[in-house]
Amino acid sequence: MLAKLTSKNQITLPKSVTNAVGAVEYFEVQAKDGQIILTPVRIQRADSVRAKLAELDLAEQDIADAVAWARQSKRRSK
């Protein structure tokens, strides 16, 4: 099967290929030995939350402090 690269670097994958891998929105892309390798990736919402938390470099104590603060605020508003 052929897929054409557009002037905007876009490729439309053939329907038979997308049917074979199932419903997926994202692909990991690698170039290896002159070939382009697409690997389907199913992103879970929890994965994106974990990634964001890792980015923030929070310690367990930061979380404990935030929870304590939130619980304290609730008591004051009652």
N, C-alpha and C. Protein backbone atom coordinates (compact mmCIF):
# COMPACT_ATOMS: atom_id res chain seq x y z
N MET A 1 0.83 -1.18 0.00
CA MET A 1 0.00 0.00 0.00
C MET A 1 0.89 1.25 0.00
N LEU A 2 0.40 2.27 -0.64
CA LEU A 2 1.12 3.53 -0.67
C LEU A 2 0.39 4.59 0.15
N ALA A 3 1.17 5.45 0.77
CA ALA A 3 0.62 6.60 1.47
C ALA A 3 1.45 7.80 1.03
N LYS A 4 0.79 8.89 0.66
CA LYS A 4 1.47 10.07 0.14
C LYS A 4 1.74 11.07 1.26
N LEU A 5 2.95 11.61 1.28
CA LEU A 5 3.32 12.67 2.22
C LEU A 5 2.93 14.00 1.59
N THR A 6 2.12 14.79 2.30
CA THR A 6 1.69 16.07 1.75
C THR A 6 2.75 17.15 1.99
N SER A 7 2.51 18.32 1.43
CA SER A 7 3.44 19.44 1.61
C SER A 7 3.50 19.90 3.08
N LYS A 8 2.50 19.52 3.87
CA LYS A 8 2.47 19.87 5.29
C LYS A 8 2.96 18.71 6.17
N ASN A 9 3.68 17.77 5.57
CA ASN A 9 4.23 16.59 6.27
C ASN A 9 3.14 15.73 6.92
N GLN A 10 2.03 15.58 6.25
CA GLN A 10 0.94 14.75 6.76
C GLN A 10 0.80 13.51 5.89
N ILE A 11 0.43 12.40 6.52
CA ILE A 11 0.20 11.14 5.81
C ILE A 11 -1.17 10.62 6.25
N THR A 12 -1.96 10.16 5.29
CA THR A 12 -3.21 9.49 5.60
C THR A 12 -2.94 8.00 5.54
N LEU A 13 -3.23 7.33 6.65
CA LEU A 13 -3.01 5.89 6.70
C LEU A 13 -4.18 5.17 6.02
N PRO A 14 -3.87 4.12 5.27
CA PRO A 14 -4.95 3.34 4.64
C PRO A 14 -5.90 2.75 5.68
N LYS A 15 -7.17 2.70 5.36
CA LYS A 15 -8.21 2.20 6.26
C LYS A 15 -7.90 0.79 6.75
N SER A 16 -7.38 -0.06 5.88
CA SER A 16 -7.08 -1.43 6.28
C SER A 16 -6.00 -1.47 7.37
N VAL A 17 -5.09 -0.51 7.36
CA VAL A 17 -4.04 -0.44 8.39
C VAL A 17 -4.64 0.02 9.71
N THR A 18 -5.45 1.07 9.68
CA THR A 18 -6.05 1.56 10.92
C THR A 18 -7.03 0.55 11.50
N ASN A 19 -7.72 -0.20 10.65
CA ASN A 19 -8.62 -1.25 11.15
C ASN A 19 -7.82 -2.35 11.84
N ALA A 20 -6.63 -2.63 11.33
CA ALA A 20 -5.80 -3.70 11.90
C ALA A 20 -5.28 -3.35 13.29
N VAL A 21 -5.04 -2.07 13.56
CA VAL A 21 -4.51 -1.68 14.88
C VAL A 21 -5.61 -1.25 15.85
N GLY A 22 -6.80 -1.06 15.38
CA GLY A 22 -7.91 -0.67 16.25
C GLY A 22 -8.00 0.83 16.41
N ALA A 23 -8.94 1.24 17.24
CA ALA A 23 -9.20 2.66 17.45
C ALA A 23 -8.07 3.27 18.28
N VAL A 24 -7.26 4.07 17.65
CA VAL A 24 -6.14 4.72 18.33
C VAL A 24 -5.95 6.10 17.74
N GLU A 25 -5.64 7.08 18.59
CA GLU A 25 -5.45 8.46 18.14
C GLU A 25 -3.99 8.83 18.00
N TYR A 26 -3.14 8.22 18.81
CA TYR A 26 -1.73 8.61 18.86
C TYR A 26 -0.81 7.45 18.47
N PHE A 27 0.30 7.82 17.87
CA PHE A 27 1.33 6.85 17.49
C PHE A 27 2.68 7.35 17.97
N GLU A 28 3.49 6.45 18.50
CA GLU A 28 4.88 6.77 18.76
C GLU A 28 5.58 6.65 17.41
N VAL A 29 6.42 7.62 17.07
CA VAL A 29 7.07 7.64 15.77
C VAL A 29 8.57 7.49 15.96
N GLN A 30 9.16 6.55 15.21
CA GLN A 30 10.60 6.33 15.24
C GLN A 30 11.12 6.22 13.81
N ALA A 31 12.35 6.69 13.61
CA ALA A 31 13.04 6.47 12.34
C ALA A 31 14.18 5.51 12.64
N LYS A 32 14.21 4.38 11.90
CA LYS A 32 15.23 3.36 12.15
C LYS A 32 15.63 2.73 10.83
N ASP A 33 16.91 2.80 10.55
CA ASP A 33 17.45 2.19 9.31
C ASP A 33 16.69 2.63 8.06
N GLY A 34 16.36 3.93 8.00
CA GLY A 34 15.68 4.47 6.82
C GLY A 34 14.19 4.17 6.77
N GLN A 35 13.65 3.60 7.83
CA GLN A 35 12.22 3.31 7.86
C GLN A 35 11.55 4.15 8.94
N ILE A 36 10.29 4.45 8.73
CA ILE A 36 9.48 5.14 9.73
C ILE A 36 8.60 4.09 10.39
N ILE A 37 8.69 4.02 11.71
CA ILE A 37 7.94 3.02 12.47
C ILE A 37 6.89 3.73 13.32
N LEU A 38 5.63 3.37 13.12
CA LEU A 38 4.52 3.92 13.89
C LEU A 38 4.03 2.84 14.85
N THR A 39 4.00 3.15 16.13
CA THR A 39 3.51 2.22 17.13
C THR A 39 2.29 2.84 17.81
N PRO A 40 1.14 2.18 17.76
CA PRO A 40 -0.06 2.73 18.39
C PRO A 40 0.15 2.93 19.89
N VAL A 41 -0.33 4.06 20.40
CA VAL A 41 -0.22 4.37 21.83
C VAL A 41 -1.62 4.72 22.32
N ARG A 42 -2.04 4.04 23.36
CA ARG A 42 -3.32 4.36 23.98
C ARG A 42 -3.03 5.15 25.25
N ILE A 43 -3.30 6.42 25.20
CA ILE A 43 -3.02 7.30 26.33
C ILE A 43 -4.16 7.23 27.32
N GLN A 44 -3.83 6.91 28.54
CA GLN A 44 -4.81 6.85 29.61
C GLN A 44 -4.79 8.20 30.32
N ARG A 45 -5.92 8.64 30.78
CA ARG A 45 -6.00 9.91 31.49
C ARG A 45 -5.08 9.90 32.71
N ALA A 46 -5.02 8.78 33.39
CA ALA A 46 -4.16 8.67 34.57
C ALA A 46 -2.70 8.86 34.19
N ASP A 47 -2.30 8.38 33.00
CA ASP A 47 -0.93 8.54 32.55
C ASP A 47 -0.57 10.01 32.40
N SER A 48 -1.49 10.80 31.87
CA SER A 48 -1.20 12.22 31.70
C SER A 48 -1.12 12.94 33.05
N VAL A 49 -1.93 12.49 34.01
CA VAL A 49 -1.87 13.08 35.36
C VAL A 49 -0.53 12.73 36.00
N ARG A 50 -0.12 11.45 35.88
CA ARG A 50 1.18 11.04 36.44
C ARG A 50 2.32 11.84 35.81
N ALA A 51 2.26 12.03 34.51
CA ALA A 51 3.31 12.77 33.80
C ALA A 51 3.37 14.22 34.30
N LYS A 52 2.21 14.84 34.49
CA LYS A 52 2.17 16.22 34.99
C LYS A 52 2.73 16.30 36.40
N LEU A 53 2.38 15.34 37.25
CA LEU A 53 2.90 15.33 38.62
C LEU A 53 4.42 15.14 38.62
N ALA A 54 4.91 14.29 37.73
CA ALA A 54 6.36 14.08 37.63
C ALA A 54 7.05 15.37 37.19
N GLU A 55 6.41 16.09 36.27
CA GLU A 55 6.94 17.38 35.80
C GLU A 55 7.06 18.38 36.94
N LEU A 56 6.08 18.37 37.84
CA LEU A 56 6.05 19.32 38.95
C LEU A 56 7.06 18.97 40.04
N ASP A 57 7.58 17.75 40.00
CA ASP A 57 8.59 17.29 40.96
C ASP A 57 8.13 17.49 42.40
N LEU A 58 6.90 17.02 42.68
CA LEU A 58 6.33 17.15 44.01
C LEU A 58 6.81 16.03 44.93
N ALA A 59 7.06 16.36 46.17
CA ALA A 59 7.42 15.36 47.17
C ALA A 59 6.15 14.92 47.90
N GLU A 60 6.22 13.79 48.58
CA GLU A 60 5.06 13.31 49.34
C GLU A 60 4.60 14.35 50.36
N GLN A 61 5.54 15.05 50.96
CA GLN A 61 5.20 16.06 51.96
C GLN A 61 4.41 17.21 51.33
N ASP A 62 4.73 17.56 50.08
CA ASP A 62 3.98 18.61 49.38
C ASP A 62 2.51 18.23 49.26
N ILE A 63 2.27 16.96 48.92
CA ILE A 63 0.90 16.47 48.77
C ILE A 63 0.20 16.48 50.13
N ALA A 64 0.88 15.98 51.15
CA ALA A 64 0.29 15.96 52.51
C ALA A 64 -0.06 17.37 52.96
N ASP A 65 0.83 18.32 52.70
CA ASP A 65 0.57 19.71 53.08
C ASP A 65 -0.64 20.27 52.33
N ALA A 66 -0.75 19.95 51.05
CA ALA A 66 -1.87 20.44 50.24
C ALA A 66 -3.19 19.86 50.72
N VAL A 67 -3.19 18.57 51.06
CA VAL A 67 -4.41 17.92 51.56
C VAL A 67 -4.80 18.53 52.90
N ALA A 68 -3.83 18.73 53.78
CA ALA A 68 -4.11 19.34 55.09
C ALA A 68 -4.68 20.73 54.92
N TRP A 69 -4.12 21.50 54.01
CA TRP A 69 -4.60 22.85 53.73
C TRP A 69 -6.04 22.82 53.21
N ALA A 70 -6.32 21.91 52.28
CA ALA A 70 -7.67 21.82 51.71
C ALA A 70 -8.69 21.42 52.76
N ARG A 71 -8.32 20.50 53.60
CA ARG A 71 -9.24 20.06 54.67
C ARG A 71 -9.49 21.19 55.67
N GLN A 72 -8.49 21.96 55.96
CA GLN A 72 -8.62 23.08 56.87
C GLN A 72 -9.54 24.14 56.28
N SER A 73 -9.43 24.42 55.01
CA SER A 73 -10.27 25.41 54.34
C SER A 73 -11.73 25.01 54.37
N LYS A 74 -12.02 23.72 54.23
CA LYS A 74 -13.41 23.24 54.25
C LYS A 74 -14.04 23.49 55.63
N ARG A 75 -13.27 23.24 56.66
CA ARG A 75 -13.81 23.42 58.02
C ARG A 75 -14.15 24.88 58.28
N ARG A 76 -13.35 25.78 57.76
CA ARG A 76 -13.59 27.21 57.98
C ARG A 76 -14.84 27.69 57.27
N SER A 77 -15.15 27.12 56.09
CA SER A 77 -16.28 27.62 55.30
C SER A 77 -17.62 27.10 55.80
N LYS A 78 -17.63 26.12 56.69
CA LYS A 78 -18.91 25.56 57.19
C LYS A 78 -19.55 26.44 58.22
